[in-house]
Amino acid sequence: MPAKDRFHEVVKIALQKEGWTITDDPLTLRVGLRDVFVDLGAEKLLAAERDGRKIAVEIKSFISQSPVKEWESAIGQYVLYLKILCGLEPDRTLYLAIRQEIYLSFFSEEIVQVVLVDGLIKIVVFDSVQEVITQWID
């Protein structure tokens, strides 16, 4: 099982503050002989729905010297998990969790926006100090 991201507990707390129940830590997905691990699985019961909403959250820190390399890796991981979830759990929505500072700086750059323009990657932005979700981007 891979090591937890630096902001794993922060995102977990932020989701719980918004009423999400953490159901998997990590969410294990089996494909053939292999397992992959999405950082968190969560669900939220909605008053109008009996089953509620289910999400999977992959957390990325973007703390290395090369945010572009981290972005390349995050895109690949996100697409792999998205394809697997479509087959195994089509009712679960995948999100990439990033810190608010990264969203306001690096994620405003063209190299990120060129990928985000089609809406394939869904993002949840969190404040790592306040431990809250600041934005959901679908």
C-alpha atoms as a PDB file:
ATOM      1  CA  MET A   1       0.000   0.000   0.000  1.00  0.00           C
ATOM      2  CA  PRO A   2       1.447   3.416  -0.941  1.00  0.00           C
ATOM      3  CA  ALA A   3       2.395   6.066   1.614  1.00  0.00           C
ATOM      4  CA  LYS A   4      -0.242   8.638   2.486  1.00  0.00           C
ATOM      5  CA  ASP A   5       0.022  12.083   0.976  1.00  0.00           C
ATOM      6  CA  ARG A   6       1.295  14.890   3.200  1.00  0.00           C
ATOM      7  CA  PHE A   7      -2.194  16.450   3.338  1.00  0.00           C
ATOM      8  CA  HIS A   8      -4.159  13.206   3.656  1.00  0.00           C
ATOM      9  CA  GLU A   9      -5.520  13.869   7.144  1.00  0.00           C
ATOM     10  CA  VAL A  10      -6.283  17.518   6.320  1.00  0.00           C
ATOM     11  CA  VAL A  11      -8.476  16.510   3.366  1.00  0.00           C
ATOM     12  CA  LYS A  12     -10.136  13.785   5.405  1.00  0.00           C
ATOM     13  CA  ILE A  13     -11.040  16.278   8.152  1.00  0.00           C
ATOM     14  CA  ALA A  14     -12.220  18.861   5.601  1.00  0.00           C
ATOM     15  CA  LEU A  15     -14.543  16.315   3.957  1.00  0.00           C
ATOM     16  CA  GLN A  16     -15.935  15.250   7.317  1.00  0.00           C
ATOM     17  CA  LYS A  17     -16.612  18.905   8.206  1.00  0.00           C
ATOM     18  CA  GLU A  18     -18.764  19.080   5.052  1.00  0.00           C
ATOM     19  CA  GLY A  19     -20.805  16.080   6.146  1.00  0.00           C
ATOM     20  CA  TRP A  20     -19.027  13.362   4.162  1.00  0.00           C
ATOM     21  CA  THR A  21     -18.585   9.933   5.734  1.00  0.00           C
ATOM     22  CA  ILE A  22     -15.202   8.402   4.954  1.00  0.00           C
ATOM     23  CA  THR A  23     -15.970   4.873   3.796  1.00  0.00           C
ATOM     24  CA  ASP A  24     -12.541   3.833   2.520  1.00  0.00           C
ATOM     25  CA  ASP A  25      -9.047   4.940   3.535  1.00  0.00           C
ATOM     26  CA  PRO A  26      -7.749   4.069   0.992  1.00  0.00           C
ATOM     27  CA  LEU A  27     -10.330   3.018  -1.589  1.00  0.00           C
ATOM     28  CA  THR A  28      -8.941  -0.197  -3.078  1.00  0.00           C
ATOM     29  CA  LEU A  29      -9.775  -1.012  -6.691  1.00  0.00           C
ATOM     30  CA  ARG A  30      -8.865  -4.428  -8.089  1.00  0.00           C
ATOM     31  CA  VAL A  31      -8.143  -4.751 -11.795  1.00  0.00           C
ATOM     32  CA  GLY A  32      -7.191  -8.252 -12.846  1.00  0.00           C
ATOM     33  CA  LEU A  33      -4.295  -9.272 -10.622  1.00  0.00           C
ATOM     34  CA  ARG A  34      -3.490  -5.719  -9.549  1.00  0.00           C
ATOM     35  CA  ASP A  35      -4.785  -3.356  -6.893  1.00  0.00           C
ATOM     36  CA  VAL A  36      -4.707   0.420  -7.123  1.00  0.00           C
ATOM     37  CA  PHE A  37      -5.380   2.697  -4.197  1.00  0.00           C
ATOM     38  CA  VAL A  38      -7.306   5.958  -4.388  1.00  0.00           C
ATOM     39  CA  ASP A  39      -6.556   8.017  -1.276  1.00  0.00           C
ATOM     40  CA  LEU A  40     -10.131   8.296   0.044  1.00  0.00           C
ATOM     41  CA  GLY A  41     -13.615   7.019  -0.635  1.00  0.00           C
ATOM     42  CA  ALA A  42     -16.551   8.897   0.877  1.00  0.00           C
ATOM     43  CA  GLU A  43     -20.298   9.179   0.700  1.00  0.00           C
ATOM     44  CA  LYS A  44     -22.888  11.699   1.740  1.00  0.00           C
ATOM     45  CA  LEU A  45     -26.543  10.957   2.250  1.00  0.00           C
ATOM     46  CA  LEU A  46     -28.794  13.593   0.792  1.00  0.00           C
ATOM     47  CA  ALA A  47     -32.286  14.239   2.099  1.00  0.00           C
ATOM     48  CA  ALA A  48     -33.818  13.903  -1.355  1.00  0.00           C
ATOM     49  CA  GLU A  49     -31.935  10.711  -2.287  1.00  0.00           C
ATOM     50  CA  ARG A  50     -32.010   7.351  -0.608  1.00  0.00           C
ATOM     51  CA  ASP A  51     -28.550   6.317  -1.759  1.00  0.00           C
ATOM     52  CA  GLY A  52     -26.782   9.687  -1.664  1.00  0.00           C
ATOM     53  CA  ARG A  53     -23.534  10.639  -3.410  1.00  0.00           C
ATOM     54  CA  LYS A  54     -20.292   8.703  -3.550  1.00  0.00           C
ATOM     55  CA  ILE A  55     -16.902  10.167  -4.309  1.00  0.00           C
ATOM     56  CA  ALA A  56     -13.293   9.059  -4.573  1.00  0.00           C
ATOM     57  CA  VAL A  57     -10.572  11.596  -3.794  1.00  0.00           C
ATOM     58  CA  GLU A  58      -6.953  11.482  -4.930  1.00  0.00           C
ATOM     59  CA  ILE A  59      -4.827  13.992  -3.000  1.00  0.00           C
ATOM     60  CA  LYS A  60      -1.834  15.737  -4.553  1.00  0.00           C
ATOM     61  CA  SER A  61       0.554  18.035  -2.658  1.00  0.00           C
ATOM     62  CA  PHE A  62       2.530  19.680  -5.466  1.00  0.00           C
ATOM     63  CA  ILE A  63       5.494  20.278  -3.160  1.00  0.00           C
ATOM     64  CA  SER A  64       8.367  19.085  -5.360  1.00  0.00           C
ATOM     65  CA  GLN A  65      10.759  21.240  -7.366  1.00  0.00           C
ATOM     66  CA  SER A  66       8.862  20.414 -10.562  1.00  0.00           C
ATOM     67  CA  PRO A  67       5.117  21.064 -10.421  1.00  0.00           C
ATOM     68  CA  VAL A  68       4.894  20.134 -14.118  1.00  0.00           C
ATOM     69  CA  LYS A  69       6.211  16.622 -13.401  1.00  0.00           C
ATOM     70  CA  GLU A  70       3.713  16.285 -10.545  1.00  0.00           C
ATOM     71  CA  TRP A  71       0.951  17.495 -12.868  1.00  0.00           C
ATOM     72  CA  GLU A  72       1.923  14.919 -15.508  1.00  0.00           C
ATOM     73  CA  SER A  73       1.847  12.189 -12.876  1.00  0.00           C
ATOM     74  CA  ALA A  74      -1.465  13.412 -11.429  1.00  0.00           C
ATOM     75  CA  ILE A  75      -3.111  13.432 -14.871  1.00  0.00           C
ATOM     76  CA  GLY A  76      -2.008   9.867 -15.574  1.00  0.00           C
ATOM     77  CA  GLN A  77      -3.112   8.618 -12.183  1.00  0.00           C
ATOM     78  CA  TYR A  78      -6.449  10.441 -12.436  1.00  0.00           C
ATOM     79  CA  VAL A  79      -7.238   9.022 -15.883  1.00  0.00           C
ATOM     80  CA  LEU A  80      -6.309   5.490 -14.788  1.00  0.00           C
ATOM     81  CA  TYR A  81      -8.510   5.704 -11.677  1.00  0.00           C
ATOM     82  CA  LEU A  82     -11.342   7.296 -13.655  1.00  0.00           C
ATOM     83  CA  LYS A  83     -11.367   4.474 -16.210  1.00  0.00           C
ATOM     84  CA  ILE A  84     -11.263   1.827 -13.483  1.00  0.00           C
ATOM     85  CA  LEU A  85     -14.049   3.506 -11.492  1.00  0.00           C
ATOM     86  CA  CYS A  86     -16.233   3.733 -14.621  1.00  0.00           C
ATOM     87  CA  GLY A  87     -16.142  -0.055 -14.809  1.00  0.00           C
ATOM     88  CA  LEU A  88     -16.235  -0.983 -11.123  1.00  0.00           C
ATOM     89  CA  GLU A  89     -18.168   1.843  -9.453  1.00  0.00           C
ATOM     90  CA  PRO A  90     -19.826   4.031 -12.094  1.00  0.00           C
ATOM     91  CA  ASP A  91     -21.878   5.839  -9.441  1.00  0.00           C
ATOM     92  CA  ARG A  92     -18.726   7.213  -7.751  1.00  0.00           C
ATOM     93  CA  THR A  93     -17.293  10.588  -8.862  1.00  0.00           C
ATOM     94  CA  LEU A  94     -13.525  11.030  -8.835  1.00  0.00           C
ATOM     95  CA  TYR A  95     -11.921  14.270  -7.612  1.00  0.00           C
ATOM     96  CA  LEU A  96      -8.351  15.505  -7.509  1.00  0.00           C
ATOM     97  CA  ALA A  97      -7.739  17.328  -4.202  1.00  0.00           C
ATOM     98  CA  ILE A  98      -5.289  20.222  -4.243  1.00  0.00           C
ATOM     99  CA  ARG A  99      -4.329  22.977  -1.830  1.00  0.00           C
ATOM    100  CA  GLN A 100      -5.824  26.398  -2.340  1.00  0.00           C
ATOM    101  CA  GLU A 101      -2.353  27.948  -2.760  1.00  0.00           C
ATOM    102  CA  ILE A 102      -1.604  25.606  -5.667  1.00  0.00           C
ATOM    103  CA  TYR A 103      -5.004  26.235  -7.223  1.00  0.00           C
ATOM    104  CA  LEU A 104      -4.456  30.015  -7.117  1.00  0.00           C
ATOM    105  CA  SER A 105      -0.891  29.837  -8.465  1.00  0.00           C
ATOM    106  CA  PHE A 106       0.140  26.840 -10.558  1.00  0.00           C
ATOM    107  CA  PHE A 107      -3.386  25.813 -11.580  1.00  0.00           C
ATOM    108  CA  SER A 108      -3.957  29.210 -13.203  1.00  0.00           C
ATOM    109  CA  GLU A 109      -1.111  28.536 -15.645  1.00  0.00           C
ATOM    110  CA  GLU A 110      -1.795  27.574 -19.256  1.00  0.00           C
ATOM    111  CA  ILE A 111      -0.070  24.188 -18.883  1.00  0.00           C
ATOM    112  CA  VAL A 112      -2.774  23.201 -16.393  1.00  0.00           C
ATOM    113  CA  GLN A 113      -5.687  25.002 -18.020  1.00  0.00           C
ATOM    114  CA  VAL A 114      -5.124  23.288 -21.374  1.00  0.00           C
ATOM    115  CA  VAL A 115      -5.999  20.001 -19.633  1.00  0.00           C
ATOM    116  CA  LEU A 116      -8.823  21.315 -17.444  1.00  0.00           C
ATOM    117  CA  VAL A 117     -10.701  23.062 -20.249  1.00  0.00           C
ATOM    118  CA  ASP A 118     -12.717  19.954 -21.223  1.00  0.00           C
ATOM    119  CA  GLY A 119     -13.972  19.288 -17.686  1.00  0.00           C
ATOM    120  CA  LEU A 120     -12.681  15.705 -17.524  1.00  0.00           C
ATOM    121  CA  ILE A 121     -10.759  16.309 -14.295  1.00  0.00           C
ATOM    122  CA  LYS A 122     -12.881  17.317 -11.325  1.00  0.00           C
ATOM    123  CA  ILE A 123     -11.148  19.212  -8.546  1.00  0.00           C
ATOM    124  CA  VAL A 124     -11.730  19.809  -4.874  1.00  0.00           C
ATOM    125  CA  VAL A 125      -9.731  22.705  -3.432  1.00  0.00           C
ATOM    126  CA  PHE A 126      -8.875  22.725   0.273  1.00  0.00           C
ATOM    127  CA  ASP A 127      -7.376  25.142   2.761  1.00  0.00           C
ATOM    128  CA  SER A 128      -4.603  23.221   4.507  1.00  0.00           C
ATOM    129  CA  VAL A 129      -4.530  25.562   7.536  1.00  0.00           C
ATOM    130  CA  GLN A 130      -8.282  25.840   8.202  1.00  0.00           C
ATOM    131  CA  GLU A 131      -8.843  22.187   7.164  1.00  0.00           C
ATOM    132  CA  VAL A 132     -11.870  23.067   5.036  1.00  0.00           C
ATOM    133  CA  ILE A 133     -12.994  22.630   1.455  1.00  0.00           C
ATOM    134  CA  THR A 134     -13.000  25.992  -0.316  1.00  0.00           C
ATOM    135  CA  GLN A 135     -14.227  24.959  -3.743  1.00  0.00           C
ATOM    136  CA  TRP A 136     -15.674  22.059  -5.752  1.00  0.00           C
ATOM    137  CA  ILE A 137     -14.963  22.274  -9.487  1.00  0.00           C
ATOM    138  CA  ASP A 138     -17.027  19.903 -11.634  1.00  0.00           C
END
